Protein backbone atom coordinates (compact mmCIF):
# COMPACT_ATOMS: atom_id res chain seq x y z
CA MET A 1 89.58 -96.21 128.21
CA ARG A 2 93.38 -96.47 128.19
CA VAL A 3 93.63 -93.05 126.50
CA LEU A 4 91.41 -91.50 129.18
CA PHE A 5 93.52 -93.06 131.94
CA VAL A 6 96.78 -91.84 130.38
CA SER A 7 95.27 -88.35 129.89
CA ILE A 8 94.27 -88.18 133.56
CA LEU A 9 97.74 -89.30 134.67
CA MET A 10 99.44 -86.77 132.42
CA SER A 11 97.31 -83.92 133.76
CA MET A 12 98.10 -85.01 137.31
CA PHE A 13 101.84 -85.08 136.56
CA ALA A 14 101.66 -81.65 134.92
CA SER A 15 99.74 -80.22 137.86
CA CYS A 16 102.43 -81.34 140.28
CA THR A 17 105.28 -79.63 138.46
CA THR A 18 104.26 -76.00 137.91
CA ASN A 19 103.41 -73.31 140.45
CA GLY A 20 102.39 -70.44 138.16
CA GLY A 21 105.36 -68.23 139.08
CA LEU A 22 104.42 -68.05 142.77
CA PRO A 23 107.07 -68.38 145.47
CA PRO A 24 107.66 -71.92 146.70
CA LEU A 25 105.02 -73.17 149.12
CA GLU A 26 106.40 -73.27 152.64
CA LYS A 27 105.98 -76.32 154.86
CA VAL A 28 105.68 -76.51 158.62
CA PRO A 29 109.06 -76.95 160.37
CA ALA A 30 108.11 -80.44 161.63
CA LEU A 31 105.20 -82.86 161.89
CA ASP A 32 104.86 -85.34 164.76
CA LEU A 33 103.66 -88.47 162.98
CA ASN A 34 102.31 -90.14 166.12
CA ARG A 35 100.13 -87.13 166.92
CA PHE A 36 99.02 -86.86 163.30
CA MET A 37 97.69 -90.43 163.01
CA GLY A 38 93.96 -91.12 163.20
CA ASP A 39 90.84 -89.60 161.67
CA TRP A 40 90.69 -86.20 159.98
CA TYR A 41 87.41 -84.74 158.68
CA VAL A 42 87.87 -82.98 155.33
CA LEU A 43 86.14 -79.60 155.76
CA ALA A 44 87.30 -77.82 152.60
CA ASN A 45 89.46 -78.68 149.61
CA ILE A 46 90.48 -78.13 146.06
CA PRO A 47 89.30 -81.60 145.10
CA THR A 48 90.86 -84.21 142.89
CA PHE A 49 88.50 -85.66 140.30
CA LEU A 50 87.73 -88.53 142.71
CA GLU A 51 86.60 -86.13 145.46
CA VAL A 52 84.10 -84.05 143.48
CA GLY A 53 80.73 -84.33 145.21
CA ALA A 54 82.15 -85.87 148.40
CA HIS A 55 80.03 -85.67 151.57
CA ASN A 56 81.18 -86.77 155.05
CA ALA A 57 84.75 -87.15 153.79
CA ILE A 58 87.26 -88.60 156.25
CA GLU A 59 90.94 -89.34 155.85
CA HIS A 60 92.34 -91.94 158.26
CA TYR A 61 96.09 -92.35 158.78
CA ASP A 62 97.91 -95.33 160.32
CA LEU A 63 101.67 -95.42 160.87
CA SER A 64 103.11 -98.78 159.84
CA PRO A 65 106.06 -100.39 161.63
CA ASP A 66 108.31 -99.73 158.61
CA GLY A 67 107.58 -95.98 158.70
CA HIS A 68 105.15 -95.55 155.82
CA ILE A 69 101.59 -94.32 156.37
CA ASP A 70 98.52 -96.28 155.35
CA ILE A 71 95.86 -93.81 154.21
CA ARG A 72 92.16 -94.62 153.92
CA PHE A 73 89.86 -92.02 152.35
CA THR A 74 86.10 -92.57 152.73
CA PHE A 75 83.10 -90.48 151.76
CA ARG A 76 79.60 -90.60 150.31
CA LYS A 77 79.20 -89.59 146.67
CA ASN A 78 77.00 -86.53 145.91
CA SER A 79 74.87 -86.64 149.09
CA PHE A 80 74.84 -87.79 152.71
CA ASP A 81 72.93 -90.87 151.56
CA GLY A 82 75.02 -91.38 148.43
CA GLU A 83 77.06 -94.38 147.48
CA PRO A 84 79.90 -95.02 149.95
CA ARG A 85 83.35 -94.73 148.41
CA LYS A 86 86.70 -95.84 149.79
CA TYR A 87 90.20 -95.29 148.42
CA THR A 88 93.49 -96.43 149.92
CA MET A 89 96.88 -94.85 149.41
CA THR A 90 100.31 -95.01 150.95
CA GLY A 91 102.28 -92.05 152.29
CA TYR A 92 106.06 -91.94 152.51
CA PRO A 93 107.63 -89.17 154.62
CA VAL A 94 110.47 -87.54 152.72
CA PRO A 95 113.80 -87.81 154.58
CA GLY A 96 115.21 -84.49 155.76
CA THR A 97 111.79 -82.72 155.93
CA ASN A 98 110.94 -83.56 159.56
CA ASN A 99 107.87 -85.38 158.15
CA ALA A 100 106.41 -82.13 156.74
CA GLU A 101 106.62 -83.47 153.19
CA TRP A 102 105.33 -86.82 151.98
CA LYS A 103 105.15 -88.65 148.71
CA VAL A 104 101.67 -90.17 148.43
CA SER A 105 101.05 -93.12 146.17
CA PRO A 106 97.55 -94.06 145.02
CA PHE A 107 99.18 -97.06 143.31
CA TRP A 108 102.64 -98.09 142.17
CA PRO A 109 104.65 -96.46 140.62
CA LEU A 110 102.96 -93.07 141.08
CA LYS A 111 104.00 -90.85 144.01
CA PHE A 112 102.79 -87.27 144.37
CA PRO A 113 104.24 -84.59 146.71
CA TYR A 114 102.10 -83.47 149.62
CA TYR A 115 103.13 -80.68 152.02
CA THR A 116 101.85 -79.98 155.50
CA VAL A 117 101.58 -76.19 155.20
CA GLU A 118 99.89 -75.42 158.54
CA ILE A 119 98.90 -77.35 161.63
CA ALA A 120 97.33 -76.23 164.89
CA PRO A 121 99.65 -76.51 167.90
CA ASP A 122 97.19 -78.98 169.46
CA TYR A 123 96.79 -80.91 166.17
CA SER A 124 93.07 -80.05 166.03
CA TRP A 125 93.27 -78.94 162.37
CA VAL A 126 95.73 -79.24 159.51
CA ILE A 127 96.21 -77.91 155.99
CA ILE A 128 97.79 -80.19 153.38
CA ALA A 129 98.56 -79.10 149.82
CA THR A 130 100.48 -79.98 146.71
CA PRO A 131 103.48 -77.70 146.11
CA ASN A 132 101.98 -76.26 142.90
CA ARG A 133 98.82 -75.20 144.80
CA GLY A 134 96.69 -77.40 142.54
CA TYR A 135 95.18 -79.38 145.41
CA LEU A 136 94.37 -78.44 149.00
CA TRP A 137 92.80 -80.14 152.01
CA ILE A 138 91.71 -78.37 155.20
CA MET A 139 90.96 -81.04 157.77
CA ALA A 140 90.07 -81.18 161.45
CA ARG A 141 89.70 -83.75 164.20
CA ASP A 142 86.06 -82.73 164.63
CA TRP A 143 83.52 -82.56 161.80
CA LYS A 144 82.32 -79.18 163.06
CA MET A 145 84.41 -76.03 162.95
CA GLU A 146 83.22 -72.48 163.52
CA ASP A 147 82.50 -70.90 160.16
CA ALA A 148 84.70 -67.89 160.97
CA LYS A 149 87.65 -70.17 161.81
CA LEU A 150 87.28 -72.22 158.62
CA GLN A 151 86.94 -69.06 156.56
CA SER A 152 90.10 -67.63 158.14
CA LEU A 153 92.04 -70.77 157.13
CA ILE A 154 90.66 -70.53 153.59
CA ASP A 155 91.57 -66.82 153.45
CA ARG A 156 95.14 -67.57 154.55
CA MET A 157 95.50 -70.11 151.76
CA VAL A 158 94.17 -67.61 149.22
CA GLU A 159 96.81 -65.14 150.47
CA ARG A 160 99.41 -67.86 149.79
CA GLY A 161 98.35 -68.20 146.17
CA PHE A 162 95.49 -70.71 146.13
CA LYS A 163 92.52 -69.77 143.94
CA SER A 164 89.47 -68.97 146.07
CA SER A 165 87.15 -70.00 143.22
CA GLU A 166 88.56 -73.55 143.38
CA ILE A 167 88.28 -74.06 147.15
CA GLN A 168 85.11 -75.92 148.08
CA ARG A 169 83.59 -76.68 151.44
CA VAL A 170 82.96 -80.37 151.98
CA PRO A 171 79.53 -81.08 153.51
CA GLN A 172 79.75 -82.84 156.88
CA LYS A 173 76.73 -84.00 158.89
CA TRP A 174 77.03 -86.71 161.50
């Protein structure tokens, strides 16, 4: 079991350090943390191993008084009636990035870089990614988004170097 755990961690570290020769992933100029807090429905992603098969996935963000972000990720495994799952993480905005870059920690001492690469002016949708393009989350304040709009966001990420074959839509039905 320990070998499996170490193997998973090593693959995660490796995936955060290489970008396949693509230009650096650009971040938004600034992110207003107060406007960002709350629920976000995950509509599409390049999933981590924990997210494979997720249905009704929601990320919830709470800003703590000391400036870090408490993150709660909930979903149902493999179907809308599947086993409920919940994971908690902590986000730390990186100084000097206007909150557009965070280090996210699933547990101490691990911290992985997350970039806000696009956000709607009204904060109705957001795209978060790792700088190596290994993971991606397209999220919205509402669980429904017009198919054409979601596809246009996916297409823009493919144009920026994400692999279309790895991007999955996350089933949402409420």
